[in-house]
C-alpha cells in the first residue's frame, strides 16, 4: 500500500521516487503488453472506442438497419444454397429467402431505401449443379434370362435338400 505524501516534499518528486523504487524492485517486469505498441496509437479519438472494443472481444457485430440486414441475409442464403448437399435443399433455402424478400415488399423495413431483388432459383440451382457434378453411373449389364432361371434352380435344389 502506498504511504501518504510527506509534508514538504513536492508531489512530482514523491511520485517519481515511488516509480523509481518500484522499477528497482522489478514490479513493472513482465507486465502484459510490455514492449508492444499502445493499441489505437496514432488513430483519431473515438468516443465509442470502449463499446467497439467490447463488441470485438465478445465477437459481436453492430446491428444493421432492416434493409441492409435483409441484403446481407440474402447473400448468406445464396452462399448456403451453393454449399447445400442436394439441389432440392439448395432450392428450399432460396425459396425461403425469397419468401422473406416478398414479405419485405409488403411491410417497410428500417434503414435506407434498398430494394432487394428476388433470387433466381433456377440460376442458383444451375450454379449448384456446376459446383457438384454427378459422377456418371455405368449402366448395369443386362441380365441373361438363363442366369435368372439358374438362380431359381439352385434355390430349388438347395430347398429340396433341406
C-alpha atoms as a PDB file:
ATOM      1  CA  UNK A   1       0.000   0.000   0.000  1.00  0.00           C
ATOM      2  CA  UNK A   2       1.252   3.460  -0.838  1.00  0.00           C
ATOM      3  CA  UNK A   3       2.063   5.731   2.052  1.00  0.00           C
ATOM      4  CA  UNK A   4       0.868   9.303   2.239  1.00  0.00           C
ATOM      5  CA  UNK A   5       2.876  12.090   0.673  1.00  0.00           C
ATOM      6  CA  UNK A   6       5.160  13.516   3.330  1.00  0.00           C
ATOM      7  CA  UNK A   7       4.879  17.198   4.112  1.00  0.00           C
ATOM      8  CA  UNK A   8       7.419  19.428   2.475  1.00  0.00           C
ATOM      9  CA  UNK A   9       8.077  17.072  -0.486  1.00  0.00           C
ATOM     10  CA  UNK A  10       6.831  18.175  -3.857  1.00  0.00           C
ATOM     11  CA  UNK A  11       4.147  15.982  -5.351  1.00  0.00           C
ATOM     12  CA  UNK A  12       6.098  15.343  -8.551  1.00  0.00           C
ATOM     13  CA  UNK A  13       9.283  14.231  -6.784  1.00  0.00           C
ATOM     14  CA  UNK A  14       7.301  11.973  -4.454  1.00  0.00           C
ATOM     15  CA  UNK A  15       5.651  10.184  -7.440  1.00  0.00           C
ATOM     16  CA  UNK A  16       8.944   9.947  -9.305  1.00  0.00           C
ATOM     17  CA  UNK A  17      10.594   8.375  -6.253  1.00  0.00           C
ATOM     18  CA  UNK A  18       7.817   5.762  -5.923  1.00  0.00           C
ATOM     19  CA  UNK A  19       8.073   4.825  -9.618  1.00  0.00           C
ATOM     20  CA  UNK A  20      11.886   4.586  -9.427  1.00  0.00           C
ATOM     21  CA  UNK A  21      11.735   2.356  -6.316  1.00  0.00           C
ATOM     22  CA  UNK A  22       9.067   0.086  -7.879  1.00  0.00           C
ATOM     23  CA  UNK A  23      11.179  -0.208 -11.037  1.00  0.00           C
ATOM     24  CA  UNK A  24      14.221  -1.155  -8.953  1.00  0.00           C
ATOM     25  CA  UNK A  25      12.183  -3.823  -7.155  1.00  0.00           C
ATOM     26  CA  UNK A  26      11.113  -5.210 -10.576  1.00  0.00           C
ATOM     27  CA  UNK A  27       7.395  -4.638 -10.078  1.00  0.00           C
ATOM     28  CA  UNK A  28       6.995  -3.483 -13.708  1.00  0.00           C
ATOM     29  CA  UNK A  29       8.755  -6.519 -15.212  1.00  0.00           C
ATOM     30  CA  UNK A  30       6.666  -8.981 -17.262  1.00  0.00           C
ATOM     31  CA  UNK A  31       3.565  -6.813 -17.437  1.00  0.00           C
ATOM     32  CA  UNK A  32       1.083  -7.824 -20.182  1.00  0.00           C
ATOM     33  CA  UNK A  33       1.714  -5.819 -23.337  1.00  0.00           C
ATOM     34  CA  UNK A  34       5.298  -4.933 -22.366  1.00  0.00           C
ATOM     35  CA  UNK A  35       7.307  -3.971 -25.426  1.00  0.00           C
ATOM     36  CA  UNK A  36       4.230  -3.777 -27.643  1.00  0.00           C
ATOM     37  CA  UNK A  37       2.809  -0.592 -29.156  1.00  0.00           C
ATOM     38  CA  UNK A  38      -0.071   1.077 -27.377  1.00  0.00           C
ATOM     39  CA  UNK A  39      -3.331  -0.027 -29.028  1.00  0.00           C
ATOM     40  CA  UNK A  40      -5.004   2.736 -31.020  1.00  0.00           C
ATOM     41  CA  UNK A  41      -1.902   4.916 -31.038  1.00  0.00           C
ATOM     42  CA  UNK A  42      -1.976   7.316 -33.984  1.00  0.00           C
ATOM     43  CA  UNK A  43      -5.702   6.879 -34.616  1.00  0.00           C
ATOM     44  CA  UNK A  44      -8.165   9.736 -34.100  1.00  0.00           C
ATOM     45  CA  UNK A  45     -10.037   9.756 -30.784  1.00  0.00           C
ATOM     46  CA  UNK A  46     -13.304   7.809 -30.900  1.00  0.00           C
ATOM     47  CA  UNK A  47     -15.815   8.339 -28.111  1.00  0.00           C
ATOM     48  CA  UNK A  48     -17.264   4.864 -28.682  1.00  0.00           C
ATOM     49  CA  UNK A  49     -13.893   3.059 -28.535  1.00  0.00           C
ATOM     50  CA  UNK A  50     -14.791   1.027 -25.455  1.00  0.00           C
ATOM     51  CA  UNK A  51     -18.071  -0.213 -26.980  1.00  0.00           C
ATOM     52  CA  UNK A  52     -16.300  -1.272 -30.171  1.00  0.00           C
ATOM     53  CA  UNK A  53     -13.556  -2.985 -28.168  1.00  0.00           C
ATOM     54  CA  UNK A  54     -16.125  -4.897 -26.085  1.00  0.00           C
ATOM     55  CA  UNK A  55     -18.040  -5.973 -29.192  1.00  0.00           C
ATOM     56  CA  UNK A  56     -14.815  -7.240 -30.826  1.00  0.00           C
ATOM     57  CA  UNK A  57     -13.892  -9.109 -27.635  1.00  0.00           C
ATOM     58  CA  UNK A  58     -17.369 -10.724 -27.492  1.00  0.00           C
ATOM     59  CA  UNK A  59     -17.341 -11.424 -31.262  1.00  0.00           C
ATOM     60  CA  UNK A  60     -20.500  -9.358 -31.808  1.00  0.00           C
ATOM     61  CA  UNK A  61     -21.420  -7.071 -34.677  1.00  0.00           C
ATOM     62  CA  UNK A  62     -23.297  -3.813 -34.876  1.00  0.00           C
ATOM     63  CA  UNK A  63     -26.971  -4.261 -35.731  1.00  0.00           C
ATOM     64  CA  UNK A  64     -27.704  -3.353 -39.317  1.00  0.00           C
ATOM     65  CA  UNK A  65     -30.812  -1.480 -40.432  1.00  0.00           C
ATOM     66  CA  UNK A  66     -33.555  -3.774 -41.727  1.00  0.00           C
ATOM     67  CA  UNK A  67     -32.932  -3.235 -45.445  1.00  0.00           C
ATOM     68  CA  UNK A  68     -29.189  -3.855 -45.158  1.00  0.00           C
ATOM     69  CA  UNK A  69     -29.712  -6.852 -42.865  1.00  0.00           C
ATOM     70  CA  UNK A  70     -32.039  -8.369 -45.496  1.00  0.00           C
ATOM     71  CA  UNK A  71     -29.421  -7.841 -48.217  1.00  0.00           C
ATOM     72  CA  UNK A  72     -26.743  -9.487 -46.045  1.00  0.00           C
ATOM     73  CA  UNK A  73     -29.077 -12.393 -45.239  1.00  0.00           C
ATOM     74  CA  UNK A  74     -29.801 -12.872 -48.967  1.00  0.00           C
ATOM     75  CA  UNK A  75     -26.065 -13.089 -49.724  1.00  0.00           C
ATOM     76  CA  UNK A  76     -25.577 -15.595 -46.905  1.00  0.00           C
ATOM     77  CA  UNK A  77     -28.564 -17.665 -48.110  1.00  0.00           C
ATOM     78  CA  UNK A  78     -27.129 -17.807 -51.629  1.00  0.00           C
ATOM     79  CA  UNK A  79     -23.755 -18.992 -50.266  1.00  0.00           C
ATOM     80  CA  UNK A  80     -25.504 -21.547 -48.046  1.00  0.00           C
ATOM     81  CA  UNK A  81     -27.529 -22.834 -51.005  1.00  0.00           C
ATOM     82  CA  UNK A  82     -24.401 -23.312 -53.096  1.00  0.00           C
ATOM     83  CA  UNK A  83     -22.915 -25.347 -50.252  1.00  0.00           C
ATOM     84  CA  UNK A  84     -26.044 -27.479 -49.743  1.00  0.00           C
ATOM     85  CA  UNK A  85     -25.831 -31.261 -50.024  1.00  0.00           C
ATOM     86  CA  UNK A  86     -28.623 -31.649 -52.560  1.00  0.00           C
ATOM     87  CA  UNK A  87     -30.169 -29.498 -55.251  1.00  0.00           C
ATOM     88  CA  UNK A  88     -33.552 -29.801 -53.556  1.00  0.00           C
ATOM     89  CA  UNK A  89     -32.083 -28.420 -50.343  1.00  0.00           C
ATOM     90  CA  UNK A  90     -30.480 -25.539 -52.275  1.00  0.00           C
ATOM     91  CA  UNK A  91     -33.829 -24.730 -53.896  1.00  0.00           C
ATOM     92  CA  UNK A  92     -35.570 -24.841 -50.494  1.00  0.00           C
ATOM     93  CA  UNK A  93     -33.066 -22.365 -48.984  1.00  0.00           C
ATOM     94  CA  UNK A  94     -33.561 -19.905 -51.845  1.00  0.00           C
ATOM     95  CA  UNK A  95     -37.362 -20.257 -51.776  1.00  0.00           C
ATOM     96  CA  UNK A  96     -37.383 -19.481 -48.035  1.00  0.00           C
ATOM     97  CA  UNK A  97     -35.215 -16.412 -48.631  1.00  0.00           C
ATOM     98  CA  UNK A  98     -37.460 -15.270 -51.471  1.00  0.00           C
ATOM     99  CA  UNK A  99     -40.444 -15.545 -49.106  1.00  0.00           C
ATOM    100  CA  UNK A 100     -38.674 -13.173 -46.677  1.00  0.00           C
ATOM    101  CA  UNK A 101     -37.892 -10.779 -49.529  1.00  0.00           C
ATOM    102  CA  UNK A 102     -41.540 -10.819 -50.693  1.00  0.00           C
ATOM    103  CA  UNK A 103     -42.583 -10.144 -47.097  1.00  0.00           C
ATOM    104  CA  UNK A 104     -40.256  -7.111 -47.020  1.00  0.00           C
ATOM    105  CA  UNK A 105     -42.103  -5.717 -50.050  1.00  0.00           C
ATOM    106  CA  UNK A 106     -45.362  -5.765 -48.077  1.00  0.00           C
ATOM    107  CA  UNK A 107     -44.100  -4.072 -44.912  1.00  0.00           C
ATOM    108  CA  UNK A 108     -41.456  -1.369 -44.846  1.00  0.00           C
ATOM    109  CA  UNK A 109     -38.106  -2.052 -43.194  1.00  0.00           C
ATOM    110  CA  UNK A 110     -35.923   0.418 -41.352  1.00  0.00           C
ATOM    111  CA  UNK A 111     -32.851   1.860 -42.975  1.00  0.00           C
ATOM    112  CA  UNK A 112     -32.003   3.298 -46.348  1.00  0.00           C
ATOM    113  CA  UNK A 113     -34.434   2.566 -49.187  1.00  0.00           C
ATOM    114  CA  UNK A 114     -32.809  -0.519 -50.709  1.00  0.00           C
ATOM    115  CA  UNK A 115     -34.967  -2.858 -52.770  1.00  0.00           C
ATOM    116  CA  UNK A 116     -33.683  -6.423 -52.586  1.00  0.00           C
ATOM    117  CA  UNK A 117     -34.483  -8.309 -55.796  1.00  0.00           C
ATOM    118  CA  UNK A 118     -35.722 -11.880 -55.635  1.00  0.00           C
ATOM    119  CA  UNK A 119     -33.091 -14.563 -56.116  1.00  0.00           C
ATOM    120  CA  UNK A 120     -33.476 -16.642 -59.277  1.00  0.00           C
ATOM    121  CA  UNK A 121     -33.935 -20.206 -58.029  1.00  0.00           C
ATOM    122  CA  UNK A 122     -33.083 -21.810 -61.373  1.00  0.00           C
ATOM    123  CA  UNK A 123     -29.882 -19.773 -61.668  1.00  0.00           C
ATOM    124  CA  UNK A 124     -28.727 -20.874 -58.200  1.00  0.00           C
ATOM    125  CA  UNK A 125     -29.678 -24.476 -58.992  1.00  0.00           C
ATOM    126  CA  UNK A 126     -27.585 -24.322 -62.186  1.00  0.00           C
ATOM    127  CA  UNK A 127     -24.635 -22.946 -60.203  1.00  0.00           C
ATOM    128  CA  UNK A 128     -25.139 -25.704 -57.623  1.00  0.00           C
ATOM    129  CA  UNK A 129     -25.091 -28.373 -60.360  1.00  0.00           C
ATOM    130  CA  UNK A 130     -21.896 -26.845 -61.805  1.00  0.00           C
ATOM    131  CA  UNK A 131     -20.244 -26.990 -58.376  1.00  0.00           C
ATOM    132  CA  UNK A 132     -21.476 -30.528 -57.632  1.00  0.00           C
ATOM    133  CA  UNK A 133     -21.040 -32.634 -60.757  1.00  0.00           C
ATOM    134  CA  UNK A 134     -22.669 -36.054 -60.610  1.00  0.00           C
ATOM    135  CA  UNK A 135     -20.357 -38.958 -61.304  1.00  0.00           C
ATOM    136  CA  UNK A 136     -21.651 -40.947 -64.252  1.00  0.00           C
ATOM    137  CA  UNK A 137     -23.051 -44.293 -63.198  1.00  0.00           C
ATOM    138  CA  UNK A 138     -22.262 -47.177 -65.505  1.00  0.00           C
ATOM    139  CA  UNK A 139     -25.426 -48.971 -66.515  1.00  0.00           C
ATOM    140  CA  UNK A 140     -25.742 -52.427 -65.053  1.00  0.00           C
ATOM    141  CA  UNK A 141     -25.126 -55.176 -67.600  1.00  0.00           C
ATOM    142  CA  UNK A 142     -28.357 -56.695 -68.900  1.00  0.00           C
ATOM    143  CA  UNK A 143     -29.393 -59.833 -67.082  1.00  0.00           C
ATOM    144  CA  UNK A 144     -29.320 -63.039 -69.008  1.00  0.00           C
ATOM    145  CA  UNK A 145     -32.640 -64.889 -68.671  1.00  0.00           C
ATOM    146  CA  UNK A 146     -30.694 -68.137 -68.257  1.00  0.00           C
ATOM    147  CA  UNK A 147     -28.940 -66.697 -65.195  1.00  0.00           C
ATOM    148  CA  UNK A 148     -32.201 -65.827 -63.507  1.00  0.00           C
ATOM    149  CA  UNK A 149     -33.511 -69.328 -64.142  1.00  0.00           C
ATOM    150  CA  UNK A 150     -30.237 -70.769 -62.930  1.00  0.00           C
ATOM    151  CA  UNK A 151     -30.501 -68.942 -59.657  1.00  0.00           C
ATOM    152  CA  UNK A 152     -34.075 -70.209 -59.218  1.00  0.00           C
ATOM    153  CA  UNK A 153     -32.955 -73.743 -59.987  1.00  0.00           C
ATOM    154  CA  UNK A 154     -30.096 -73.542 -57.494  1.00  0.00           C
ATOM    155  CA  UNK A 155     -32.535 -72.234 -54.913  1.00  0.00           C
ATOM    156  CA  UNK A 156     -34.939 -75.113 -55.602  1.00  0.00           C
ATOM    157  CA  UNK A 157     -32.074 -77.615 -55.379  1.00  0.00           C
ATOM    158  CA  UNK A 158     -30.969 -76.117 -52.073  1.00  0.00           C
ATOM    159  CA  UNK A 159     -34.558 -76.086 -50.783  1.00  0.00           C
ATOM    160  CA  UNK A 160     -35.050 -79.695 -51.896  1.00  0.00           C
ATOM    161  CA  UNK A 161     -32.036 -80.793 -49.864  1.00  0.00           C
ATOM    162  CA  UNK A 162     -33.496 -79.330 -46.707  1.00  0.00           C
END
